């Protein structure tokens, strides 16, 4: 932690109190892929019949 001209600079990990292992990105990516596949199936199956 540093003070420069009345500004407080704190490291990102110190403010969060932990680390960010990027699990949220994987969950969002997989969820997006599954949503696109589900919507495609819902649209394609009725179009074939």
PDB file of N, CA and C in Angstrom:
ATOM      1  N   UNK A   1       0.852  -1.162   0.000  1.00  0.00           N
ATOM      2  CA  UNK A   1       0.000   0.000   0.000  1.00  0.00           C
ATOM      3  C   UNK A   1       0.898   1.225   0.000  1.00  0.00           C
ATOM      4  N   UNK A   2       0.604   2.171  -0.899  1.00  0.00           N
ATOM      5  CA  UNK A   2       1.399   3.381  -1.018  1.00  0.00           C
ATOM      6  C   UNK A   2       0.503   4.606  -0.985  1.00  0.00           C
ATOM      7  N   UNK A   3       1.044   5.687  -0.432  1.00  0.00           N
ATOM      8  CA  UNK A   3       0.327   6.967  -0.454  1.00  0.00           C
ATOM      9  C   UNK A   3       1.150   7.955  -1.273  1.00  0.00           C
ATOM     10  N   UNK A   4       0.546   8.461  -2.355  1.00  0.00           N
ATOM     11  CA  UNK A   4       1.174   9.461  -3.196  1.00  0.00           C
ATOM     12  C   UNK A   4       0.210  10.619  -3.368  1.00  0.00           C
ATOM     13  N   UNK A   5       0.573  11.763  -2.812  1.00  0.00           N
ATOM     14  CA  UNK A   5      -0.245  12.973  -2.958  1.00  0.00           C
ATOM     15  C   UNK A   5      -1.704  12.727  -2.583  1.00  0.00           C
ATOM     16  N   UNK A   6      -1.915  12.151  -1.420  1.00  0.00           N
ATOM     17  CA  UNK A   6      -3.237  11.877  -0.877  1.00  0.00           C
ATOM     18  C   UNK A   6      -4.027  10.836  -1.673  1.00  0.00           C
ATOM     19  N   UNK A   7      -3.388  10.056  -2.524  1.00  0.00           N
ATOM     20  CA  UNK A   7      -4.054   8.968  -3.225  1.00  0.00           C
ATOM     21  C   UNK A   7      -3.555   7.654  -2.643  1.00  0.00           C
ATOM     22  N   UNK A   8      -4.451   6.744  -2.441  1.00  0.00           N
ATOM     23  CA  UNK A   8      -4.122   5.456  -1.848  1.00  0.00           C
ATOM     24  C   UNK A   8      -4.066   4.403  -2.955  1.00  0.00           C
ATOM     25  N   UNK A   9      -2.929   3.720  -3.079  1.00  0.00           N
ATOM     26  CA  UNK A   9      -2.751   2.675  -4.078  1.00  0.00           C
ATOM     27  C   UNK A   9      -2.633   1.335  -3.368  1.00  0.00           C
ATOM     28  N   UNK A  10      -3.565   0.424  -3.666  1.00  0.00           N
ATOM     29  CA  UNK A  10      -3.588  -0.888  -3.034  1.00  0.00           C
ATOM     30  C   UNK A  10      -3.559  -1.940  -4.134  1.00  0.00           C
ATOM     31  N   UNK A  11      -2.814  -3.009  -3.903  1.00  0.00           N
ATOM     32  CA  UNK A  11      -2.740  -4.096  -4.878  1.00  0.00           C
ATOM     33  C   UNK A  11      -4.098  -4.766  -5.041  1.00  0.00           C
ATOM     34  N   UNK A  12      -4.370  -5.295  -6.211  1.00  0.00           N
ATOM     35  CA  UNK A  12      -5.668  -5.894  -6.511  1.00  0.00           C
ATOM     36  C   UNK A  12      -5.971  -7.088  -5.610  1.00  0.00           C
ATOM     37  N   UNK A  13      -5.013  -7.973  -5.413  1.00  0.00           N
ATOM     38  CA  UNK A  13      -5.254  -9.147  -4.572  1.00  0.00           C
ATOM     39  C   UNK A  13      -5.509  -8.766  -3.118  1.00  0.00           C
ATOM     40  N   UNK A  14      -4.899  -7.694  -2.656  1.00  0.00           N
ATOM     41  CA  UNK A  14      -5.110  -7.268  -1.276  1.00  0.00           C
ATOM     42  C   UNK A  14      -6.524  -6.718  -1.088  1.00  0.00           C
ATOM     43  N   UNK A  15      -7.057  -6.062  -2.082  1.00  0.00           N
ATOM     44  CA  UNK A  15      -8.399  -5.503  -1.976  1.00  0.00           C
ATOM     45  C   UNK A  15      -9.448  -6.603  -2.044  1.00  0.00           C
ATOM     46  N   UNK A  16      -9.267  -7.554  -2.947  1.00  0.00           N
ATOM     47  CA  UNK A  16     -10.236  -8.639  -3.107  1.00  0.00           C
ATOM     48  C   UNK A  16     -10.204  -9.623  -1.955  1.00  0.00           C
ATOM     49  N   UNK A  17      -9.075  -9.787  -1.351  1.00  0.00           N
ATOM     50  CA  UNK A  17      -8.945 -10.749  -0.280  1.00  0.00           C
ATOM     51  C   UNK A  17      -8.749 -12.162  -0.794  1.00  0.00           C
ATOM     52  N   UNK A  18      -8.392 -12.317  -2.041  1.00  0.00           N
ATOM     53  CA  UNK A  18      -8.192 -13.649  -2.597  1.00  0.00           C
ATOM     54  C   UNK A  18      -7.669 -13.569  -4.007  1.00  0.00           C
ATOM     55  N   UNK A  19      -7.718 -14.686  -4.683  1.00  0.00           N
ATOM     56  CA  UNK A  19      -7.235 -14.735  -6.058  1.00  0.00           C
ATOM     57  C   UNK A  19      -8.413 -14.968  -7.002  1.00  0.00           C
ATOM     58  N   UNK A  20      -8.167 -14.794  -8.284  1.00  0.00           N
ATOM     59  CA  UNK A  20      -9.210 -15.029  -9.282  1.00  0.00           C
ATOM     60  C   UNK A  20      -8.719 -16.103 -10.247  1.00  0.00           C
ATOM     61  N   UNK A  21      -9.204 -17.333 -10.098  1.00  0.00           N
ATOM     62  CA  UNK A  21      -8.706 -18.442 -10.911  1.00  0.00           C
ATOM     63  C   UNK A  21      -9.383 -18.572 -12.279  1.00  0.00           C
ATOM     64  N   UNK A  22     -10.163 -17.600 -12.718  1.00  0.00           N
ATOM     65  CA  UNK A  22     -10.807 -17.583 -14.036  1.00  0.00           C
ATOM     66  C   UNK A  22     -11.832 -18.692 -14.227  1.00  0.00           C
ATOM     67  N   UNK A  23     -12.393 -19.216 -13.155  1.00  0.00           N
ATOM     68  CA  UNK A  23     -13.421 -20.247 -13.267  1.00  0.00           C
ATOM     69  C   UNK A  23     -14.692 -19.653 -13.862  1.00  0.00           C
ATOM     70  N   UNK A  24     -14.975 -18.409 -13.542  1.00  0.00           N
ATOM     71  CA  UNK A  24     -16.195 -17.763 -14.034  1.00  0.00           C
ATOM     72  C   UNK A  24     -16.178 -17.695 -15.556  1.00  0.00           C
ATOM     73  N   UNK A  25     -15.023 -17.452 -16.154  1.00  0.00           N
ATOM     74  CA  UNK A  25     -14.928 -17.399 -17.612  1.00  0.00           C
ATOM     75  C   UNK A  25     -15.281 -18.740 -18.234  1.00  0.00           C
ATOM     76  N   UNK A  26     -14.820 -19.817 -17.624  1.00  0.00           N
ATOM     77  CA  UNK A  26     -15.144 -21.158 -18.140  1.00  0.00           C
ATOM     78  C   UNK A  26     -16.638 -21.429 -18.025  1.00  0.00           C
ATOM     79  N   UNK A  27     -17.221 -21.087 -16.886  1.00  0.00           N
ATOM     80  CA  UNK A  27     -18.651 -21.323 -16.678  1.00  0.00           C
ATOM     81  C   UNK A  27     -19.470 -20.519 -17.678  1.00  0.00           C
ATOM     82  N   UNK A  28     -19.128 -19.241 -17.885  1.00  0.00           N
ATOM     83  CA  UNK A  28     -19.860 -18.415 -18.830  1.00  0.00           C
ATOM     84  C   UNK A  28     -19.697 -18.918 -20.258  1.00  0.00           C
ATOM     85  N   UNK A  29     -18.496 -19.335 -20.633  1.00  0.00           N
ATOM     86  CA  UNK A  29     -18.253 -19.842 -21.980  1.00  0.00           C
ATOM     87  C   UNK A  29     -19.022 -21.116 -22.260  1.00  0.00           C
ATOM     88  N   UNK A  30     -18.987 -22.045 -21.318  1.00  0.00           N
ATOM     89  CA  UNK A  30     -19.705 -23.313 -21.493  1.00  0.00           C
ATOM     90  C   UNK A  30     -21.211 -23.077 -21.502  1.00  0.00           C
ATOM     91  N   UNK A  31     -21.695 -22.196 -20.641  1.00  0.00           N
ATOM     92  CA  UNK A  31     -23.123 -21.886 -20.608  1.00  0.00           C
ATOM     93  C   UNK A  31     -23.574 -21.247 -21.915  1.00  0.00           C
ATOM     94  N   UNK A  32     -22.764 -20.355 -22.456  1.00  0.00           N
ATOM     95  CA  UNK A  32     -23.102 -19.720 -23.726  1.00  0.00           C
ATOM     96  C   UNK A  32     -23.160 -20.754 -24.842  1.00  0.00           C
ATOM     97  N   UNK A  33     -22.195 -21.646 -24.876  1.00  0.00           N
ATOM     98  CA  UNK A  33     -22.178 -22.696 -25.893  1.00  0.00           C
ATOM     99  C   UNK A  33     -23.414 -23.597 -25.776  1.00  0.00           C
ATOM    100  N   UNK A  34     -23.754 -24.005 -24.568  1.00  0.00           N
ATOM    101  CA  UNK A  34     -24.939 -24.847 -24.370  1.00  0.00           C
ATOM    102  C   UNK A  34     -26.228 -24.120 -24.751  1.00  0.00           C
ATOM    103  N   UNK A  35     -26.311 -22.827 -24.465  1.00  0.00           N
ATOM    104  CA  UNK A  35     -27.498 -22.057 -24.831  1.00  0.00           C
ATOM    105  C   UNK A  35     -27.633 -21.948 -26.348  1.00  0.00           C
ATOM    106  N   UNK A  36     -26.529 -21.735 -27.046  1.00  0.00           N
ATOM    107  CA  UNK A  36     -26.568 -21.655 -28.509  1.00  0.00           C
ATOM    108  C   UNK A  36     -26.979 -22.995 -29.107  1.00  0.00           C
ATOM    109  N   UNK A  37     -26.432 -24.077 -28.585  1.00  0.00           N
ATOM    110  CA  UNK A  37     -26.794 -25.409 -29.090  1.00  0.00           C
ATOM    111  C   UNK A  37     -28.270 -25.693 -28.832  1.00  0.00           C
ATOM    112  N   UNK A  38     -28.758 -25.396 -27.633  1.00  0.00           N
ATOM    113  CA  UNK A  38     -30.165 -25.648 -27.303  1.00  0.00           C
ATOM    114  C   UNK A  38     -31.094 -24.835 -28.191  1.00  0.00           C
ATOM    115  N   UNK A  39     -30.775 -23.566 -28.404  1.00  0.00           N
ATOM    116  CA  UNK A  39     -31.622 -22.731 -29.248  1.00  0.00           C
ATOM    117  C   UNK A  39     -31.585 -23.197 -30.699  1.00  0.00           C
ATOM    118  N   UNK A  40     -30.444 -23.669 -31.152  1.00  0.00           N
ATOM    119  CA  UNK A  40     -30.346 -24.189 -32.521  1.00  0.00           C
ATOM    120  C   UNK A  40     -31.186 -25.441 -32.691  1.00  0.00           C
ATOM    121  N   UNK A  41     -31.144 -26.339 -31.712  1.00  0.00           N
ATOM    122  CA  UNK A  41     -31.937 -27.566 -31.772  1.00  0.00           C
ATOM    123  C   UNK A  41     -33.424 -27.232 -31.760  1.00  0.00           C
ATOM    124  N   UNK A  42     -33.815 -26.286 -30.912  1.00  0.00           N
ATOM    125  CA  UNK A  42     -35.233 -25.893 -30.838  1.00  0.00           C
ATOM    126  C   UNK A  42     -35.689 -25.290 -32.162  1.00  0.00           C
ATOM    127  N   UNK A  43     -34.832 -24.620 -32.882  1.00  0.00           N
ATOM    128  CA  UNK A  43     -35.199 -23.994 -34.147  1.00  0.00           C
ATOM    129  C   UNK A  43     -35.109 -24.973 -35.314  1.00  0.00           C
ATOM    130  N   UNK A  44     -34.104 -25.849 -35.325  1.00  0.00           N
ATOM    131  CA  UNK A  44     -33.872 -26.730 -36.461  1.00  0.00           C
ATOM    132  C   UNK A  44     -34.866 -27.882 -36.509  1.00  0.00           C
ATOM    133  N   UNK A  45     -35.192 -28.501 -35.392  1.00  0.00           N
ATOM    134  CA  UNK A  45     -36.086 -29.669 -35.395  1.00  0.00           C
ATOM    135  C   UNK A  45     -37.463 -29.331 -35.959  1.00  0.00           C
ATOM    136  N   UNK A  46     -38.124 -28.263 -35.544  1.00  0.00           N
ATOM    137  CA  UNK A  46     -39.420 -27.942 -36.179  1.00  0.00           C
ATOM    138  C   UNK A  46     -39.276 -27.563 -37.653  1.00  0.00           C
ATOM    139  N   UNK A  47     -38.141 -27.009 -38.042  1.00  0.00           N
ATOM    140  CA  UNK A  47     -37.962 -26.609 -39.425  1.00  0.00           C
ATOM    141  C   UNK A  47     -37.819 -27.826 -40.331  1.00  0.00           C
ATOM    142  N   UNK A  48     -37.337 -28.935 -39.818  1.00  0.00           N
ATOM    143  CA  UNK A  48     -37.180 -30.141 -40.620  1.00  0.00           C
ATOM    144  C   UNK A  48     -38.501 -30.847 -40.885  1.00  0.00           C
ATOM    145  N   UNK A  49     -39.451 -30.654 -39.995  1.00  0.00           N
ATOM    146  CA  UNK A  49     -40.725 -31.365 -40.166  1.00  0.00           C
ATOM    147  C   UNK A  49     -41.784 -30.511 -40.833  1.00  0.00           C
TER     148      UNK A  49
END
